[in-house]
Structure formats: C-alpha cells, structure tokens
C-alpha cells in the first residue's frame, strides 16, 4: 500500500520517537511503501526558517530515505492545484496540497491532524 506521511509524521520519524505513534500507525509504517508529499519539503523548510525545527530539511529527508526507504513521487503542480481546489474544509495551504496529492495518487495519508482525519476518508491514525 502507498502511505503518504504528513509533515509532522516525517519529523517524528526523524526524531525516532515511537511513543508519539498509535499502534496502528506503527503497523502501517512497517507494512507500507512510505512516501513524502511534495509540498512537505517546502513545509519543512518553512518550519526550519521560523525555528520550529533545527535540522535542515535536506538532512531530515536524506536520512529517512536511507533508514526507512522514504520515497517520493512526481506530481505535476497544475494537477495538484486542480485536485486541491475543492478542498474548502481547510484554509491551511500545506494540508490542502498534501491531501490533494494523496487523493491524486489514490493512496492513504498517515496523520494525527484531527481536521484532516475528520474530512478526508483515506487519512488514518487509529
């Protein structure tokens, strides 16, 4: 199964903090092909620039590509924007684009974000 990881999940995996994850989330991580949404790279950069994370995104993603075989896919930006347009339940541009990309690839999204879990059926946590 294709499992995209929300940005906070990427950070938690990098921090090696299994206590943050539900048992279902850990099982999905162990049994799925793991993908980073394209826009998560930009979100990580913003978090770095404002001091919410202290490790450069290229280091985070590079290490995860090696340790958990984190994959990426190419999604045409115009297609991504088209898929994001109807997602009016969120005003967060990162969440909107992440959900659009997951939906575009007919995959699942691992997230603890309650708003996404409420509005996006392919989102999983528990």
N, C-alpha and C. Protein backbone atom coordinates (compact mmCIF):
# COMPACT_ATOMS: atom_id res chain seq x y z
N UNK A 1 0.84 -1.18 0.00
CA UNK A 1 0.00 0.00 0.00
C UNK A 1 0.89 1.25 0.00
N UNK A 2 0.45 2.27 -0.74
CA UNK A 2 1.12 3.57 -0.73
C UNK A 2 0.62 4.35 0.47
N UNK A 3 1.55 4.74 1.33
CA UNK A 3 1.20 5.52 2.51
C UNK A 3 2.01 6.81 2.51
N UNK A 4 1.31 7.92 2.32
CA UNK A 4 1.96 9.22 2.40
C UNK A 4 2.02 9.63 3.87
N UNK A 5 3.06 10.35 4.23
CA UNK A 5 3.27 10.77 5.61
C UNK A 5 3.06 12.28 5.72
N UNK A 6 2.18 12.68 6.61
CA UNK A 6 2.00 14.10 6.87
C UNK A 6 3.32 14.65 7.41
N UNK A 7 3.51 15.94 7.30
CA UNK A 7 4.80 16.55 7.64
C UNK A 7 5.21 16.27 9.09
N UNK A 8 4.27 16.33 10.01
CA UNK A 8 4.63 16.06 11.41
C UNK A 8 5.07 14.62 11.61
N UNK A 9 4.54 13.71 10.82
CA UNK A 9 4.95 12.30 10.90
C UNK A 9 6.40 12.16 10.44
N UNK A 10 6.76 12.87 9.39
CA UNK A 10 8.14 12.86 8.89
C UNK A 10 9.09 13.32 10.00
N UNK A 11 8.71 14.39 10.68
CA UNK A 11 9.56 14.92 11.76
C UNK A 11 9.68 13.90 12.90
N UNK A 12 8.56 13.31 13.31
CA UNK A 12 8.59 12.34 14.41
C UNK A 12 9.41 11.10 14.05
N UNK A 13 9.32 10.67 12.81
CA UNK A 13 10.14 9.52 12.39
C UNK A 13 11.62 9.88 12.44
N UNK A 14 11.95 11.08 12.01
CA UNK A 14 13.34 11.52 12.07
C UNK A 14 13.82 11.58 13.52
N UNK A 15 12.96 12.01 14.42
CA UNK A 15 13.32 12.12 15.84
C UNK A 15 13.36 10.76 16.54
N UNK A 16 12.94 9.74 15.83
CA UNK A 16 12.90 8.37 16.40
C UNK A 16 12.13 8.36 17.72
N UNK A 17 10.88 8.81 17.63
CA UNK A 17 10.04 8.92 18.81
C UNK A 17 8.80 8.04 18.66
N UNK A 18 8.94 6.71 18.83
CA UNK A 18 7.80 5.81 18.60
C UNK A 18 6.64 6.03 19.58
N UNK A 19 6.89 6.65 20.72
CA UNK A 19 5.83 6.88 21.69
C UNK A 19 4.75 7.83 21.16
N UNK A 20 5.07 8.62 20.16
CA UNK A 20 4.09 9.54 19.58
C UNK A 20 3.07 8.85 18.67
N UNK A 21 3.36 7.61 18.30
CA UNK A 21 2.55 6.92 17.30
C UNK A 21 1.56 5.95 17.93
N UNK A 22 0.40 5.84 17.30
CA UNK A 22 -0.55 4.78 17.69
C UNK A 22 0.01 3.44 17.21
N UNK A 23 -0.49 2.36 17.76
CA UNK A 23 -0.05 1.04 17.32
C UNK A 23 -0.41 0.82 15.85
N UNK A 24 -1.59 1.27 15.45
CA UNK A 24 -2.00 1.15 14.05
C UNK A 24 -1.03 1.91 13.14
N UNK A 25 -0.63 3.09 13.56
CA UNK A 25 0.31 3.89 12.77
C UNK A 25 1.64 3.15 12.62
N UNK A 26 2.14 2.59 13.70
CA UNK A 26 3.40 1.85 13.63
C UNK A 26 3.28 0.64 12.71
N UNK A 27 2.16 -0.06 12.78
CA UNK A 27 1.94 -1.22 11.90
C UNK A 27 1.90 -0.79 10.44
N UNK A 28 1.23 0.33 10.16
CA UNK A 28 1.16 0.82 8.78
C UNK A 28 2.54 1.23 8.27
N UNK A 29 3.32 1.86 9.12
CA UNK A 29 4.68 2.26 8.74
C UNK A 29 5.51 1.04 8.39
N UNK A 30 5.36 -0.02 9.16
CA UNK A 30 6.14 -1.24 8.93
C UNK A 30 5.70 -2.01 7.70
N UNK A 31 4.44 -1.85 7.29
CA UNK A 31 3.92 -2.70 6.21
C UNK A 31 3.62 -1.97 4.91
N UNK A 32 3.98 -0.70 4.80
CA UNK A 32 3.61 0.09 3.61
C UNK A 32 4.83 0.65 2.91
N UNK A 33 4.60 1.05 1.66
CA UNK A 33 5.58 1.86 0.93
C UNK A 33 5.34 3.30 1.38
N UNK A 34 6.38 3.93 1.93
CA UNK A 34 6.23 5.25 2.54
C UNK A 34 6.66 6.36 1.59
N UNK A 35 5.81 7.37 1.47
CA UNK A 35 6.05 8.49 0.56
C UNK A 35 5.97 9.81 1.32
N UNK A 36 6.79 10.75 0.88
CA UNK A 36 6.71 12.11 1.41
C UNK A 36 5.98 12.96 0.37
N UNK A 37 4.93 13.67 0.80
CA UNK A 37 4.26 14.56 -0.14
C UNK A 37 5.22 15.64 -0.64
N UNK A 38 5.07 16.01 -1.88
CA UNK A 38 5.95 17.00 -2.50
C UNK A 38 6.00 18.29 -1.69
N UNK A 39 4.85 18.78 -1.26
CA UNK A 39 4.78 20.06 -0.56
C UNK A 39 5.36 19.97 0.85
N UNK A 40 5.51 18.79 1.40
CA UNK A 40 6.09 18.65 2.74
C UNK A 40 7.53 19.15 2.78
N UNK A 41 8.23 19.05 1.68
CA UNK A 41 9.59 19.59 1.63
C UNK A 41 9.58 21.09 1.86
N UNK A 42 8.64 21.77 1.25
CA UNK A 42 8.51 23.21 1.43
C UNK A 42 8.05 23.53 2.85
N UNK A 43 7.11 22.75 3.38
CA UNK A 43 6.64 22.99 4.74
C UNK A 43 7.78 22.78 5.74
N UNK A 44 8.59 21.76 5.54
CA UNK A 44 9.76 21.55 6.40
C UNK A 44 10.71 22.74 6.34
N UNK A 45 10.91 23.29 5.16
CA UNK A 45 11.78 24.46 5.00
C UNK A 45 11.21 25.65 5.77
N UNK A 46 9.91 25.88 5.68
CA UNK A 46 9.29 26.97 6.42
C UNK A 46 9.47 26.76 7.93
N UNK A 47 9.25 25.54 8.40
CA UNK A 47 9.42 25.24 9.82
C UNK A 47 10.86 25.49 10.27
N UNK A 48 11.80 25.16 9.41
CA UNK A 48 13.22 25.41 9.70
C UNK A 48 13.50 26.92 9.77
N UNK A 49 12.96 27.66 8.82
CA UNK A 49 13.21 29.10 8.76
C UNK A 49 12.63 29.84 9.96
N UNK A 50 11.51 29.35 10.51
CA UNK A 50 10.91 30.04 11.66
C UNK A 50 11.37 29.44 12.99
N UNK A 51 12.27 28.48 12.94
CA UNK A 51 12.85 27.92 14.15
C UNK A 51 12.06 26.83 14.83
N UNK A 52 11.02 26.30 14.19
CA UNK A 52 10.24 25.21 14.79
C UNK A 52 10.98 23.88 14.73
N UNK A 53 11.85 23.74 13.75
CA UNK A 53 12.77 22.61 13.69
C UNK A 53 14.17 23.18 13.50
N UNK A 54 15.18 22.46 13.98
CA UNK A 54 16.55 22.99 13.94
C UNK A 54 17.47 22.23 12.99
N UNK A 55 16.95 21.21 12.35
CA UNK A 55 17.72 20.43 11.39
C UNK A 55 17.23 20.79 9.99
N UNK A 56 18.16 20.99 9.08
CA UNK A 56 17.78 21.34 7.71
C UNK A 56 16.95 20.21 7.09
N UNK A 57 15.90 20.59 6.34
CA UNK A 57 15.03 19.59 5.72
C UNK A 57 15.77 18.58 4.85
N UNK A 58 16.81 19.00 4.15
CA UNK A 58 17.54 18.06 3.29
C UNK A 58 18.18 16.95 4.13
N UNK A 59 18.61 17.26 5.34
CA UNK A 59 19.19 16.25 6.22
C UNK A 59 18.10 15.30 6.72
N UNK A 60 16.96 15.86 7.12
CA UNK A 60 15.84 15.04 7.60
C UNK A 60 15.42 14.06 6.53
N UNK A 61 15.12 14.58 5.36
CA UNK A 61 14.62 13.73 4.27
C UNK A 61 15.70 12.76 3.80
N UNK A 62 16.93 13.22 3.70
CA UNK A 62 18.02 12.34 3.26
C UNK A 62 18.21 11.16 4.19
N UNK A 63 18.18 11.41 5.48
CA UNK A 63 18.34 10.32 6.43
C UNK A 63 17.17 9.35 6.37
N UNK A 64 15.96 9.87 6.26
CA UNK A 64 14.79 8.99 6.19
C UNK A 64 14.75 8.18 4.90
N UNK A 65 15.25 8.74 3.83
CA UNK A 65 15.31 7.97 2.57
C UNK A 65 16.18 6.74 2.75
N UNK A 66 17.21 6.86 3.58
CA UNK A 66 18.11 5.74 3.83
C UNK A 66 17.58 4.79 4.90
N UNK A 67 17.05 5.32 5.99
CA UNK A 67 16.69 4.47 7.12
C UNK A 67 15.34 3.78 6.97
N UNK A 68 14.37 4.44 6.37
CA UNK A 68 13.05 3.80 6.21
C UNK A 68 12.64 3.71 4.74
N UNK A 69 13.56 3.97 3.84
CA UNK A 69 13.28 3.97 2.41
C UNK A 69 12.11 4.89 2.08
N UNK A 70 12.21 6.12 2.53
CA UNK A 70 11.20 7.13 2.23
C UNK A 70 11.27 7.45 0.74
N UNK A 71 10.14 7.35 0.08
CA UNK A 71 10.07 7.55 -1.37
C UNK A 71 9.39 8.88 -1.69
N UNK A 72 9.54 9.32 -2.91
CA UNK A 72 8.82 10.50 -3.37
C UNK A 72 8.27 10.19 -4.75
N UNK A 73 7.24 10.93 -5.12
CA UNK A 73 6.64 10.78 -6.44
C UNK A 73 6.62 12.14 -7.11
N UNK A 74 6.57 12.13 -8.41
CA UNK A 74 6.44 13.38 -9.14
C UNK A 74 4.95 13.61 -9.40
N UNK A 75 4.48 14.75 -8.96
CA UNK A 75 3.11 15.14 -9.23
C UNK A 75 3.15 16.49 -9.90
N UNK A 76 2.58 16.58 -11.08
CA UNK A 76 2.53 17.85 -11.80
C UNK A 76 1.82 18.90 -10.94
N UNK A 77 2.43 20.06 -10.79
CA UNK A 77 1.88 21.08 -9.91
C UNK A 77 0.49 21.53 -10.35
N UNK A 78 0.27 21.65 -11.64
CA UNK A 78 -1.05 22.07 -12.13
C UNK A 78 -2.11 21.03 -11.74
N UNK A 79 -1.76 19.75 -11.84
CA UNK A 79 -2.69 18.69 -11.42
C UNK A 79 -2.95 18.77 -9.92
N UNK A 80 -1.90 19.04 -9.17
CA UNK A 80 -2.01 19.14 -7.72
C UNK A 80 -2.94 20.29 -7.32
N UNK A 81 -2.77 21.43 -7.95
CA UNK A 81 -3.62 22.58 -7.65
C UNK A 81 -5.07 22.28 -8.01
N UNK A 82 -5.30 21.67 -9.16
CA UNK A 82 -6.67 21.32 -9.56
C UNK A 82 -7.32 20.39 -8.53
N UNK A 83 -6.54 19.43 -8.05
CA UNK A 83 -7.07 18.48 -7.05
C UNK A 83 -7.32 19.17 -5.71
N UNK A 84 -6.60 20.26 -5.42
CA UNK A 84 -6.74 20.96 -4.15
C UNK A 84 -7.89 21.97 -4.14
N UNK A 85 -8.32 22.43 -5.29
CA UNK A 85 -9.34 23.48 -5.36
C UNK A 85 -10.61 23.16 -4.58
N UNK A 86 -11.16 21.96 -4.68
CA UNK A 86 -12.43 21.72 -3.97
C UNK A 86 -12.29 21.45 -2.47
N UNK A 87 -11.10 21.45 -1.94
CA UNK A 87 -10.89 21.09 -0.53
C UNK A 87 -11.08 22.30 0.39
N UNK A 88 -12.27 22.84 0.39
CA UNK A 88 -12.54 24.08 1.12
C UNK A 88 -12.69 23.89 2.63
N UNK A 89 -12.60 22.69 3.12
CA UNK A 89 -12.73 22.43 4.56
C UNK A 89 -11.47 22.85 5.34
N UNK A 90 -10.41 23.19 4.63
CA UNK A 90 -9.22 23.69 5.32
C UNK A 90 -8.69 24.92 4.62
N UNK A 91 -8.16 25.83 5.42
CA UNK A 91 -7.52 27.04 4.87
C UNK A 91 -6.01 26.90 4.90
N UNK A 92 -5.50 25.80 5.45
CA UNK A 92 -4.06 25.57 5.52
C UNK A 92 -3.58 25.11 4.14
N UNK A 93 -2.78 25.92 3.45
CA UNK A 93 -2.38 25.54 2.09
C UNK A 93 -1.55 24.26 2.05
N UNK A 94 -0.76 24.00 3.08
CA UNK A 94 0.03 22.76 3.09
C UNK A 94 -0.88 21.55 3.22
N UNK A 95 -1.81 21.61 4.17
CA UNK A 95 -2.74 20.48 4.34
C UNK A 95 -3.54 20.24 3.07
N UNK A 96 -3.97 21.31 2.47
CA UNK A 96 -4.78 21.20 1.25
C UNK A 96 -4.01 20.51 0.13
N UNK A 97 -2.76 20.90 -0.06
CA UNK A 97 -1.95 20.30 -1.13
C UNK A 97 -1.52 18.88 -0.79
N UNK A 98 -1.26 18.60 0.48
CA UNK A 98 -0.91 17.23 0.88
C UNK A 98 -2.08 16.30 0.62
N UNK A 99 -3.26 16.68 1.07
CA UNK A 99 -4.46 15.85 0.86
C UNK A 99 -4.72 15.68 -0.63
N UNK A 100 -4.56 16.74 -1.40
CA UNK A 100 -4.78 16.65 -2.85
C UNK A 100 -3.83 15.66 -3.49
N UNK A 101 -2.57 15.68 -3.07
CA UNK A 101 -1.59 14.76 -3.67
C UNK A 101 -1.89 13.31 -3.29
N UNK A 102 -2.25 13.09 -2.04
CA UNK A 102 -2.61 11.73 -1.61
C UNK A 102 -3.81 11.24 -2.41
N UNK A 103 -4.81 12.09 -2.54
CA UNK A 103 -6.01 11.74 -3.28
C UNK A 103 -5.69 11.48 -4.75
N UNK A 104 -4.84 12.32 -5.32
CA UNK A 104 -4.44 12.18 -6.72
C UNK A 104 -3.80 10.81 -6.99
N UNK A 105 -3.02 10.32 -6.01
CA UNK A 105 -2.32 9.04 -6.17
C UNK A 105 -3.11 7.86 -5.60
N UNK A 106 -4.35 8.13 -5.18
CA UNK A 106 -5.21 7.07 -4.64
C UNK A 106 -4.49 6.28 -3.54
N UNK A 107 -3.95 7.01 -2.60
CA UNK A 107 -3.17 6.43 -1.52
C UNK A 107 -3.84 6.73 -0.18
N UNK A 108 -3.16 6.40 0.89
CA UNK A 108 -3.58 6.73 2.26
C UNK A 108 -2.62 7.78 2.80
N UNK A 109 -3.10 8.52 3.81
CA UNK A 109 -2.29 9.54 4.48
C UNK A 109 -2.23 9.22 5.96
N UNK A 110 -1.02 9.07 6.47
CA UNK A 110 -0.84 8.89 7.91
C UNK A 110 -0.70 10.27 8.54
N UNK A 111 -1.64 10.60 9.42
CA UNK A 111 -1.66 11.90 10.06
C UNK A 111 -2.34 11.79 11.42
N UNK A 112 -1.96 12.68 12.32
CA UNK A 112 -2.65 12.80 13.60
C UNK A 112 -3.52 14.06 13.61
N UNK A 113 -3.56 14.77 12.51
CA UNK A 113 -4.31 16.01 12.38
C UNK A 113 -5.81 15.71 12.39
N UNK A 114 -6.50 16.17 13.42
CA UNK A 114 -7.92 15.85 13.57
C UNK A 114 -8.79 16.42 12.46
N UNK A 115 -8.46 17.59 11.96
CA UNK A 115 -9.26 18.17 10.87
C UNK A 115 -9.16 17.30 9.61
N UNK A 116 -7.95 16.87 9.29
CA UNK A 116 -7.78 16.01 8.11
C UNK A 116 -8.49 14.68 8.35
N UNK A 117 -8.32 14.10 9.52
CA UNK A 117 -8.98 12.82 9.83
C UNK A 117 -10.49 12.93 9.72
N UNK A 118 -11.04 14.05 10.09
CA UNK A 118 -12.50 14.25 10.04
C UNK A 118 -13.01 14.38 8.61
N UNK A 119 -12.24 15.02 7.75
CA UNK A 119 -12.74 15.38 6.42
C UNK A 119 -12.19 14.54 5.26
N UNK A 120 -11.21 13.73 5.51
CA UNK A 120 -10.53 13.00 4.41
C UNK A 120 -10.49 11.52 4.75
N UNK A 121 -11.39 10.75 4.14
CA UNK A 121 -11.54 9.34 4.48
C UNK A 121 -10.25 8.52 4.34
N UNK A 122 -9.38 8.77 3.38
CA UNK A 122 -8.14 7.99 3.29
C UNK A 122 -7.07 8.34 4.34
N UNK A 123 -7.40 9.28 5.23
CA UNK A 123 -6.46 9.60 6.32
C UNK A 123 -6.64 8.58 7.44
N UNK A 124 -5.51 8.14 8.00
CA UNK A 124 -5.55 7.12 9.04
C UNK A 124 -4.67 7.51 10.22
N UNK A 125 -5.09 7.06 11.40
CA UNK A 125 -4.28 7.18 12.60
C UNK A 125 -4.57 6.02 13.54
N UNK A 126 -5.80 5.86 14.00
CA UNK A 126 -6.19 4.80 14.93
C UNK A 126 -6.97 3.72 14.24
